[in-house]
Amino acid sequence: MYALEGNFSVLPKELSRKEVADMLGIKTRQLQVYLNLVRLFLPEFEDFTHPGTGELNRFATLTEWHIEALMKVRRRVKKVGFLQTRIELARGEKL
């Protein structure tokens, strides 16, 4: 039996925007709207803001780790609407 030594990290699986949109039950265009929202308020999406323009970074990659937060946003938008969700995120409220 071999002993493993050292630090190992597990990298999350990268997902296409189409794959994530399908998981959320939305179109890719709607996913862009959600990404534009969450990049402003959730730290795990800060890479989605382009450093030069301040707009949505189309080169940022989604991973499995982003799914849960996007699902929470999706559920909240369905429940109270996009504008109210944006207000709650801006206030720092948990979804």
PDB file of N, CA and C in Angstrom:
ATOM      1  N   MET A   1       0.849  -1.176   0.000  1.00  0.00           N
ATOM      2  CA  MET A   1       0.000   0.000   0.000  1.00  0.00           C
ATOM      3  C   MET A   1       0.888   1.230   0.000  1.00  0.00           C
ATOM      4  N   TYR A   2       0.550   2.192  -0.783  1.00  0.00           N
ATOM      5  CA  TYR A   2       1.328   3.427  -0.879  1.00  0.00           C
ATOM      6  C   TYR A   2       0.687   4.517  -0.037  1.00  0.00           C
ATOM      7  N   ALA A   3       1.510   5.280   0.628  1.00  0.00           N
ATOM      8  CA  ALA A   3       1.025   6.415   1.416  1.00  0.00           C
ATOM      9  C   ALA A   3       1.155   7.670   0.555  1.00  0.00           C
ATOM     10  N   LEU A   4       0.130   8.471   0.557  1.00  0.00           N
ATOM     11  CA  LEU A   4       0.150   9.733  -0.186  1.00  0.00           C
ATOM     12  C   LEU A   4       0.609  10.842   0.743  1.00  0.00           C
ATOM     13  N   GLU A   5       1.520  11.635   0.270  1.00  0.00           N
ATOM     14  CA  GLU A   5       2.007  12.748   1.070  1.00  0.00           C
ATOM     15  C   GLU A   5       1.829  14.031   0.281  1.00  0.00           C
ATOM     16  N   GLY A   6       1.745  15.129   0.999  1.00  0.00           N
ATOM     17  CA  GLY A   6       1.646  16.421   0.341  1.00  0.00           C
ATOM     18  C   GLY A   6       0.233  16.968   0.382  1.00  0.00           C
ATOM     19  N   ASN A   7       0.098  18.159  -0.117  1.00  0.00           N
ATOM     20  CA  ASN A   7      -1.205  18.821  -0.160  1.00  0.00           C
ATOM     21  C   ASN A   7      -1.859  18.563  -1.512  1.00  0.00           C
ATOM     22  N   PHE A   8      -3.083  18.153  -1.464  1.00  0.00           N
ATOM     23  CA  PHE A   8      -3.836  17.909  -2.683  1.00  0.00           C
ATOM     24  C   PHE A   8      -5.061  18.799  -2.672  1.00  0.00           C
ATOM     25  N   SER A   9      -5.375  19.356  -3.800  1.00  0.00           N
ATOM     26  CA  SER A   9      -6.597  20.138  -3.904  1.00  0.00           C
ATOM     27  C   SER A   9      -7.443  19.559  -5.019  1.00  0.00           C
ATOM     28  N   VAL A  10      -8.711  19.609  -4.800  1.00  0.00           N
ATOM     29  CA  VAL A  10      -9.645  19.103  -5.792  1.00  0.00           C
ATOM     30  C   VAL A  10     -10.186  20.298  -6.558  1.00  0.00           C
ATOM     31  N   LEU A  11      -9.951  20.306  -7.845  1.00  0.00           N
ATOM     32  CA  LEU A  11     -10.445  21.393  -8.667  1.00  0.00           C
ATOM     33  C   LEU A  11     -11.876  21.102  -9.089  1.00  0.00           C
ATOM     34  N   PRO A  12     -12.724  22.116  -9.044  1.00  0.00           N
ATOM     35  CA  PRO A  12     -14.109  21.892  -9.447  1.00  0.00           C
ATOM     36  C   PRO A  12     -14.199  21.730 -10.962  1.00  0.00           C
ATOM     37  N   LYS A  13     -15.197  21.015 -11.383  1.00  0.00           N
ATOM     38  CA  LYS A  13     -15.418  20.812 -12.814  1.00  0.00           C
ATOM     39  C   LYS A  13     -15.908  22.116 -13.439  1.00  0.00           C
ATOM     40  N   GLU A  14     -15.291  22.497 -14.545  1.00  0.00           N
ATOM     41  CA  GLU A  14     -15.734  23.679 -15.272  1.00  0.00           C
ATOM     42  C   GLU A  14     -16.959  23.318 -16.097  1.00  0.00           C
ATOM     43  N   LEU A  15     -17.884  24.253 -16.152  1.00  0.00           N
ATOM     44  CA  LEU A  15     -19.136  24.037 -16.872  1.00  0.00           C
ATOM     45  C   LEU A  15     -19.340  25.155 -17.880  1.00  0.00           C
ATOM     46  N   SER A  16     -19.956  24.821 -18.988  1.00  0.00           N
ATOM     47  CA  SER A  16     -20.290  25.854 -19.964  1.00  0.00           C
ATOM     48  C   SER A  16     -21.520  26.613 -19.470  1.00  0.00           C
ATOM     49  N   ARG A  17     -21.719  27.774 -20.007  1.00  0.00           N
ATOM     50  CA  ARG A  17     -22.896  28.561 -19.612  1.00  0.00           C
ATOM     51  C   ARG A  17     -24.168  27.855 -20.048  1.00  0.00           C
ATOM     52  N   LYS A  18     -24.113  27.153 -21.141  1.00  0.00           N
ATOM     53  CA  LYS A  18     -25.277  26.383 -21.598  1.00  0.00           C
ATOM     54  C   LYS A  18     -25.611  25.276 -20.600  1.00  0.00           C
ATOM     55  N   GLU A  19     -24.582  24.567 -20.104  1.00  0.00           N
ATOM     56  CA  GLU A  19     -24.810  23.499 -19.120  1.00  0.00           C
ATOM     57  C   GLU A  19     -25.442  24.058 -17.852  1.00  0.00           C
ATOM     58  N   VAL A  20     -24.923  25.193 -17.380  1.00  0.00           N
ATOM     59  CA  VAL A  20     -25.462  25.798 -16.154  1.00  0.00           C
ATOM     60  C   VAL A  20     -26.887  26.282 -16.383  1.00  0.00           C
ATOM     61  N   ALA A  21     -27.141  26.905 -17.515  1.00  0.00           N
ATOM     62  CA  ALA A  21     -28.500  27.371 -17.824  1.00  0.00           C
ATOM     63  C   ALA A  21     -29.471  26.194 -17.842  1.00  0.00           C
ATOM     64  N   ASP A  22     -29.055  25.087 -18.434  1.00  0.00           N
ATOM     65  CA  ASP A  22     -29.913  23.898 -18.460  1.00  0.00           C
ATOM     66  C   ASP A  22     -30.178  23.376 -17.048  1.00  0.00           C
ATOM     67  N   MET A  23     -29.159  23.392 -16.187  1.00  0.00           N
ATOM     68  CA  MET A  23     -29.337  22.950 -14.795  1.00  0.00           C
ATOM     69  C   MET A  23     -30.346  23.819 -14.053  1.00  0.00           C
ATOM     70  N   LEU A  24     -30.350  25.111 -14.382  1.00  0.00           N
ATOM     71  CA  LEU A  24     -31.257  26.043 -13.716  1.00  0.00           C
ATOM     72  C   LEU A  24     -32.630  26.106 -14.374  1.00  0.00           C
ATOM     73  N   GLY A  25     -32.756  25.501 -15.550  1.00  0.00           N
ATOM     74  CA  GLY A  25     -34.027  25.522 -16.265  1.00  0.00           C
ATOM     75  C   GLY A  25     -34.306  26.861 -16.921  1.00  0.00           C
ATOM     76  N   ILE A  26     -33.249  27.531 -17.353  1.00  0.00           N
ATOM     77  CA  ILE A  26     -33.395  28.832 -17.999  1.00  0.00           C
ATOM     78  C   ILE A  26     -32.586  28.855 -19.295  1.00  0.00           C
ATOM     79  N   LYS A  27     -32.735  29.917 -20.050  1.00  0.00           N
ATOM     80  CA  LYS A  27     -31.958  30.104 -21.275  1.00  0.00           C
ATOM     81  C   LYS A  27     -30.622  30.758 -20.927  1.00  0.00           C
ATOM     82  N   THR A  28     -29.642  30.628 -21.803  1.00  0.00           N
ATOM     83  CA  THR A  28     -28.323  31.215 -21.538  1.00  0.00           C
ATOM     84  C   THR A  28     -28.401  32.733 -21.425  1.00  0.00           C
ATOM     85  N   ARG A  29     -29.288  33.337 -22.136  1.00  0.00           N
ATOM     86  CA  ARG A  29     -29.451  34.800 -22.049  1.00  0.00           C
ATOM     87  C   ARG A  29     -29.897  35.203 -20.639  1.00  0.00           C
ATOM     88  N   GLN A  30     -30.816  34.429 -20.065  1.00  0.00           N
ATOM     89  CA  GLN A  30     -31.279  34.704 -18.703  1.00  0.00           C
ATOM     90  C   GLN A  30     -30.158  34.464 -17.701  1.00  0.00           C
ATOM     91  N   LEU A  31     -29.320  33.458 -17.951  1.00  0.00           N
ATOM     92  CA  LEU A  31     -28.174  33.208 -17.078  1.00  0.00           C
ATOM     93  C   LEU A  31     -27.257  34.432 -17.054  1.00  0.00           C
ATOM     94  N   GLN A  32     -27.056  35.057 -18.189  1.00  0.00           N
ATOM     95  CA  GLN A  32     -26.233  36.256 -18.235  1.00  0.00           C
ATOM     96  C   GLN A  32     -26.812  37.356 -17.353  1.00  0.00           C
ATOM     97  N   VAL A  33     -28.117  37.474 -17.326  1.00  0.00           N
ATOM     98  CA  VAL A  33     -28.773  38.466 -16.465  1.00  0.00           C
ATOM     99  C   VAL A  33     -28.486  38.144 -14.996  1.00  0.00           C
ATOM    100  N   TYR A  34     -28.586  36.865 -14.636  1.00  0.00           N
ATOM    101  CA  TYR A  34     -28.293  36.461 -13.257  1.00  0.00           C
ATOM    102  C   TYR A  34     -26.821  36.695 -12.909  1.00  0.00           C
ATOM    103  N   LEU A  35     -25.926  36.355 -13.831  1.00  0.00           N
ATOM    104  CA  LEU A  35     -24.498  36.575 -13.589  1.00  0.00           C
ATOM    105  C   LEU A  35     -24.195  38.064 -13.421  1.00  0.00           C
ATOM    106  N   ASN A  36     -24.860  38.876 -14.205  1.00  0.00           N
ATOM    107  CA  ASN A  36     -24.676  40.316 -14.095  1.00  0.00           C
ATOM    108  C   ASN A  36     -25.130  40.816 -12.725  1.00  0.00           C
ATOM    109  N   LEU A  37     -26.138  40.185 -12.170  1.00  0.00           N
ATOM    110  CA  LEU A  37     -26.637  40.547 -10.842  1.00  0.00           C
ATOM    111  C   LEU A  37     -25.693  40.058  -9.741  1.00  0.00           C
ATOM    112  N   VAL A  38     -25.379  38.780  -9.744  1.00  0.00           N
ATOM    113  CA  VAL A  38     -24.611  38.213  -8.629  1.00  0.00           C
ATOM    114  C   VAL A  38     -23.168  38.712  -8.594  1.00  0.00           C
ATOM    115  N   ARG A  39     -22.610  39.063  -9.746  1.00  0.00           N
ATOM    116  CA  ARG A  39     -21.217  39.545  -9.765  1.00  0.00           C
ATOM    117  C   ARG A  39     -21.073  40.836  -8.976  1.00  0.00           C
ATOM    118  N   LEU A  40     -22.162  41.579  -8.823  1.00  0.00           N
ATOM    119  CA  LEU A  40     -22.122  42.840  -8.093  1.00  0.00           C
ATOM    120  C   LEU A  40     -22.176  42.647  -6.576  1.00  0.00           C
ATOM    121  N   PHE A  41     -22.767  41.537  -6.136  1.00  0.00           N
ATOM    122  CA  PHE A  41     -23.059  41.408  -4.713  1.00  0.00           C
ATOM    123  C   PHE A  41     -22.479  40.183  -4.014  1.00  0.00           C
ATOM    124  N   LEU A  42     -22.107  39.150  -4.751  1.00  0.00           N
ATOM    125  CA  LEU A  42     -21.597  37.934  -4.120  1.00  0.00           C
ATOM    126  C   LEU A  42     -20.111  37.780  -4.406  1.00  0.00           C
ATOM    127  N   PRO A  43     -19.292  37.659  -3.355  1.00  0.00           N
ATOM    128  CA  PRO A  43     -17.839  37.594  -3.545  1.00  0.00           C
ATOM    129  C   PRO A  43     -17.359  36.421  -4.394  1.00  0.00           C
ATOM    130  N   GLU A  44     -18.071  35.310  -4.369  1.00  0.00           N
ATOM    131  CA  GLU A  44     -17.629  34.163  -5.163  1.00  0.00           C
ATOM    132  C   GLU A  44     -17.781  34.390  -6.673  1.00  0.00           C
ATOM    133  N   PHE A  45     -18.415  35.500  -7.053  1.00  0.00           N
ATOM    134  CA  PHE A  45     -18.592  35.825  -8.465  1.00  0.00           C
ATOM    135  C   PHE A  45     -17.800  37.065  -8.871  1.00  0.00           C
ATOM    136  N   GLU A  46     -16.848  37.490  -8.057  1.00  0.00           N
ATOM    137  CA  GLU A  46     -16.096  38.706  -8.384  1.00  0.00           C
ATOM    138  C   GLU A  46     -15.284  38.567  -9.662  1.00  0.00           C
ATOM    139  N   ASP A  47     -14.894  37.339 -10.022  1.00  0.00           N
ATOM    140  CA  ASP A  47     -14.147  37.128 -11.275  1.00  0.00           C
ATOM    141  C   ASP A  47     -15.000  37.394 -12.512  1.00  0.00           C
ATOM    142  N   PHE A  48     -16.295  37.517 -12.329  1.00  0.00           N
ATOM    143  CA  PHE A  48     -17.178  37.745 -13.461  1.00  0.00           C
ATOM    144  C   PHE A  48     -17.291  39.228 -13.825  1.00  0.00           C
ATOM    145  N   THR A  49     -16.572  40.083 -13.103  1.00  0.00           N
ATOM    146  CA  THR A  49     -16.499  41.490 -13.469  1.00  0.00           C
ATOM    147  C   THR A  49     -15.177  41.716 -14.185  1.00  0.00           C
ATOM    148  N   HIS A  50     -15.259  42.187 -15.415  1.00  0.00           N
ATOM    149  CA  HIS A  50     -14.058  42.433 -16.220  1.00  0.00           C
ATOM    150  C   HIS A  50     -13.263  43.572 -15.588  1.00  0.00           C
ATOM    151  N   PRO A  51     -11.971  43.367 -15.315  1.00  0.00           N
ATOM    152  CA  PRO A  51     -11.172  44.396 -14.638  1.00  0.00           C
ATOM    153  C   PRO A  51     -11.008  45.689 -15.442  1.00  0.00           C
ATOM    154  N   GLY A  52     -11.070  45.591 -16.742  1.00  0.00           N
ATOM    155  CA  GLY A  52     -10.883  46.780 -17.570  1.00  0.00           C
ATOM    156  C   GLY A  52     -12.140  47.585 -17.795  1.00  0.00           C
ATOM    157  N   THR A  53     -13.248  46.888 -17.976  1.00  0.00           N
ATOM    158  CA  THR A  53     -14.489  47.583 -18.328  1.00  0.00           C
ATOM    159  C   THR A  53     -15.486  47.695 -17.179  1.00  0.00           C
ATOM    160  N   GLY A  54     -15.365  46.794 -16.200  1.00  0.00           N
ATOM    161  CA  GLY A  54     -16.328  46.781 -15.106  1.00  0.00           C
ATOM    162  C   GLY A  54     -17.632  46.085 -15.479  1.00  0.00           C
ATOM    163  N   GLU A  55     -17.700  45.577 -16.691  1.00  0.00           N
ATOM    164  CA  GLU A  55     -18.888  44.869 -17.166  1.00  0.00           C
ATOM    165  C   GLU A  55     -18.719  43.368 -16.923  1.00  0.00           C
ATOM    166  N   LEU A  56     -19.712  42.593 -17.361  1.00  0.00           N
ATOM    167  CA  LEU A  56     -19.659  41.140 -17.226  1.00  0.00           C
ATOM    168  C   LEU A  56     -18.503  40.588 -18.055  1.00  0.00           C
ATOM    169  N   ASN A  57     -17.663  39.793 -17.407  1.00  0.00           N
ATOM    170  CA  ASN A  57     -16.507  39.198 -18.064  1.00  0.00           C
ATOM    171  C   ASN A  57     -16.947  37.921 -18.772  1.00  0.00           C
ATOM    172  N   ARG A  58     -16.961  37.946 -20.085  1.00  0.00           N
ATOM    173  CA  ARG A  58     -17.438  36.787 -20.833  1.00  0.00           C
ATOM    174  C   ARG A  58     -16.449  35.633 -20.827  1.00  0.00           C
ATOM    175  N   PHE A  59     -15.240  35.876 -20.357  1.00  0.00           N
ATOM    176  CA  PHE A  59     -14.222  34.824 -20.318  1.00  0.00           C
ATOM    177  C   PHE A  59     -14.154  34.109 -18.970  1.00  0.00           C
ATOM    178  N   ALA A  60     -14.856  34.603 -17.966  1.00  0.00           N
ATOM    179  CA  ALA A  60     -14.868  33.943 -16.657  1.00  0.00           C
ATOM    180  C   ALA A  60     -15.589  32.606 -16.780  1.00  0.00           C
ATOM    181  N   THR A  61     -15.044  31.597 -16.118  1.00  0.00           N
ATOM    182  CA  THR A  61     -15.629  30.262 -16.233  1.00  0.00           C
ATOM    183  C   THR A  61     -16.466  29.910 -15.017  1.00  0.00           C
ATOM    184  N   LEU A  62     -17.545  29.240 -15.281  1.00  0.00           N
ATOM    185  CA  LEU A  62     -18.413  28.731 -14.227  1.00  0.00           C
ATOM    186  C   LEU A  62     -17.931  27.358 -13.806  1.00  0.00           C
ATOM    187  N   THR A  63     -18.093  27.058 -12.530  1.00  0.00           N
ATOM    188  CA  THR A  63     -17.743  25.739 -12.018  1.00  0.00           C
ATOM    189  C   THR A  63     -18.906  25.189 -11.210  1.00  0.00           C
ATOM    190  N   GLU A  64     -18.755  23.954 -10.787  1.00  0.00           N
ATOM    191  CA  GLU A  64     -19.772  23.322  -9.945  1.00  0.00           C
ATOM    192  C   GLU A  64     -20.029  24.137  -8.679  1.00  0.00           C
ATOM    193  N   TRP A  65     -19.019  24.848  -8.206  1.00  0.00           N
ATOM    194  CA  TRP A  65     -19.146  25.616  -6.969  1.00  0.00           C
ATOM    195  C   TRP A  65     -20.080  26.812  -7.116  1.00  0.00           C
ATOM    196  N   HIS A  66     -20.368  27.245  -8.302  1.00  0.00           N
ATOM    197  CA  HIS A  66     -21.253  28.386  -8.526  1.00  0.00           C
ATOM    198  C   HIS A  66     -22.730  27.989  -8.559  1.00  0.00           C
ATOM    199  N   ILE A  67     -22.998  26.721  -8.758  1.00  0.00           N
ATOM    200  CA  ILE A  67     -24.368  26.260  -8.994  1.00  0.00           C
ATOM    201  C   ILE A  67     -25.303  26.562  -7.821  1.00  0.00           C
ATOM    202  N   GLU A  68     -24.878  26.255  -6.611  1.00  0.00           N
ATOM    203  CA  GLU A  68     -25.761  26.431  -5.453  1.00  0.00           C
ATOM    204  C   GLU A  68     -26.210  27.882  -5.298  1.00  0.00           C
ATOM    205  N   ALA A  69     -25.275  28.820  -5.412  1.00  0.00           N
ATOM    206  CA  ALA A  69     -25.624  30.240  -5.274  1.00  0.00           C
ATOM    207  C   ALA A  69     -26.575  30.673  -6.382  1.00  0.00           C
ATOM    208  N   LEU A  70     -26.318  30.212  -7.596  1.00  0.00           N
ATOM    209  CA  LEU A  70     -27.201  30.569  -8.710  1.00  0.00           C
ATOM    210  C   LEU A  70     -28.590  29.967  -8.543  1.00  0.00           C
ATOM    211  N   MET A  71     -28.663  28.767  -7.988  1.00  0.00           N
ATOM    212  CA  MET A  71     -29.970  28.143  -7.734  1.00  0.00           C
ATOM    213  C   MET A  71     -30.752  28.931  -6.688  1.00  0.00           C
ATOM    214  N   LYS A  72     -30.056  29.401  -5.652  1.00  0.00           N
ATOM    215  CA  LYS A  72     -30.724  30.207  -4.625  1.00  0.00           C
ATOM    216  C   LYS A  72     -31.258  31.501  -5.223  1.00  0.00           C
ATOM    217  N   VAL A  73     -30.464  32.131  -6.055  1.00  0.00           N
ATOM    218  CA  VAL A  73     -30.909  33.366  -6.711  1.00  0.00           C
ATOM    219  C   VAL A  73     -32.100  33.064  -7.605  1.00  0.00           C
ATOM    220  N   ARG A  74     -32.030  31.993  -8.358  1.00  0.00           N
ATOM    221  CA  ARG A  74     -33.135  31.616  -9.254  1.00  0.00           C
ATOM    222  C   ARG A  74     -34.426  31.392  -8.473  1.00  0.00           C
ATOM    223  N   ARG A  75     -34.339  30.651  -7.359  1.00  0.00           N
ATOM    224  CA  ARG A  75     -35.534  30.408  -6.537  1.00  0.00           C
ATOM    225  C   ARG A  75     -36.100  31.709  -5.992  1.00  0.00           C
ATOM    226  N   ARG A  76     -35.197  32.596  -5.550  1.00  0.00           N
ATOM    227  CA  ARG A  76     -35.655  33.860  -4.977  1.00  0.00           C
ATOM    228  C   ARG A  76     -36.307  34.747  -6.028  1.00  0.00           C
ATOM    229  N   VAL A  77     -35.729  34.783  -7.211  1.00  0.00           N
ATOM    230  CA  VAL A  77     -36.315  35.575  -8.297  1.00  0.00           C
ATOM    231  C   VAL A  77     -37.707  35.046  -8.647  1.00  0.00           C
ATOM    232  N   LYS A  78     -37.848  33.730  -8.687  1.00  0.00           N
ATOM    233  CA  LYS A  78     -39.157  33.153  -8.981  1.00  0.00           C
ATOM    234  C   LYS A  78     -40.177  33.498  -7.901  1.00  0.00           C
ATOM    235  N   LYS A  79     -39.714  33.618  -6.666  1.00  0.00           N
ATOM    236  CA  LYS A  79     -40.624  33.872  -5.551  1.00  0.00           C
ATOM    237  C   LYS A  79     -41.015  35.346  -5.422  1.00  0.00           C
ATOM    238  N   VAL A  80     -40.024  36.248  -5.482  1.00  0.00           N
ATOM    239  CA  VAL A  80     -40.320  37.661  -5.200  1.00  0.00           C
ATOM    240  C   VAL A  80     -40.028  38.600  -6.365  1.00  0.00           C
ATOM    241  N   GLY A  81     -39.431  38.092  -7.429  1.00  0.00           N
ATOM    242  CA  GLY A  81     -39.141  38.930  -8.583  1.00  0.00           C
ATOM    243  C   GLY A  81     -37.686  39.393  -8.602  1.00  0.00           C
ATOM    244  N   PHE A  82     -37.270  39.807  -9.794  1.00  0.00           N
ATOM    245  CA  PHE A  82     -35.879  40.185 -10.006  1.00  0.00           C
ATOM    246  C   PHE A  82     -35.503  41.439  -9.221  1.00  0.00           C
ATOM    247  N   LEU A  83     -36.325  42.461  -9.276  1.00  0.00           N
ATOM    248  CA  LEU A  83     -35.997  43.723  -8.616  1.00  0.00           C
ATOM    249  C   LEU A  83     -35.881  43.552  -7.103  1.00  0.00           C
ATOM    250  N   GLN A  84     -36.821  42.836  -6.495  1.00  0.00           N
ATOM    251  CA  GLN A  84     -36.767  42.615  -5.047  1.00  0.00           C
ATOM    252  C   GLN A  84     -35.537  41.792  -4.672  1.00  0.00           C
ATOM    253  N   THR A  85     -35.180  40.812  -5.484  1.00  0.00           N
ATOM    254  CA  THR A  85     -33.981  40.015  -5.232  1.00  0.00           C
ATOM    255  C   THR A  85     -32.747  40.898  -5.289  1.00  0.00           C
ATOM    256  N   ARG A  86     -32.690  41.780  -6.269  1.00  0.00           N
ATOM    257  CA  ARG A  86     -31.558  42.715  -6.385  1.00  0.00           C
ATOM    258  C   ARG A  86     -31.462  43.605  -5.149  1.00  0.00           C
ATOM    259  N   ILE A  87     -32.578  44.092  -4.672  1.00  0.00           N
ATOM    260  CA  ILE A  87     -32.599  44.926  -3.467  1.00  0.00           C
ATOM    261  C   ILE A  87     -32.079  44.141  -2.264  1.00  0.00           C
ATOM    262  N   GLU A  88     -32.541  42.908  -2.110  1.00  0.00           N
ATOM    263  CA  GLU A  88     -32.112  42.074  -0.982  1.00  0.00           C
ATOM    264  C   GLU A  88     -30.614  41.785  -1.050  1.00  0.00           C
ATOM    265  N   LEU A  89     -30.103  41.494  -2.233  1.00  0.00           N
ATOM    266  CA  LEU A  89     -28.665  41.259  -2.378  1.00  0.00           C
ATOM    267  C   LEU A  89     -27.867  42.524  -2.088  1.00  0.00           C
ATOM    268  N   ALA A  90     -28.351  43.660  -2.527  1.00  0.00           N
ATOM    269  CA  ALA A  90     -27.667  44.927  -2.280  1.00  0.00           C
ATOM    270  C   ALA A  90     -27.606  45.239  -0.788  1.00  0.00           C
ATOM    271  N   ARG A  91     -28.619  44.843  -0.053  1.00  0.00           N
ATOM    272  CA  ARG A  91     -28.637  45.047   1.398  1.00  0.00           C
ATOM    273  C   ARG A  91     -27.762  44.045   2.135  1.00  0.00           C
ATOM    274  N   GLY A  92     -27.303  43.027   1.416  1.00  0.00           N
ATOM    275  CA  GLY A  92     -26.479  42.003   2.042  1.00  0.00           C
ATOM    276  C   GLY A  92     -27.280  40.899   2.710  1.00  0.00           C
ATOM    277  N   GLU A  93     -28.558  40.826   2.386  1.00  0.00           N
ATOM    278  CA  GLU A  93     -29.417  39.798   2.974  1.00  0.00           C
ATOM    279  C   GLU A  93     -29.087  38.439   2.388  1.00  0.00           C
ATOM    280  N   LYS A  94     -29.212  37.408   3.207  1.00  0.00           N
ATOM    281  CA  LYS A  94     -29.002  36.029   2.751  1.00  0.00           C
ATOM    282  C   LYS A  94     -30.228  35.574   1.997  1.00  0.00           C
ATOM    283  N   LEU A  95     -30.031  34.812   0.952  1.00  0.00           N
ATOM    284  CA  LEU A  95     -31.152  34.294   0.173  1.00  0.00           C
ATOM    285  C   LEU A  95     -31.576  32.942   0.690  1.00  0.00           C
TER     286      LEU A  95
END
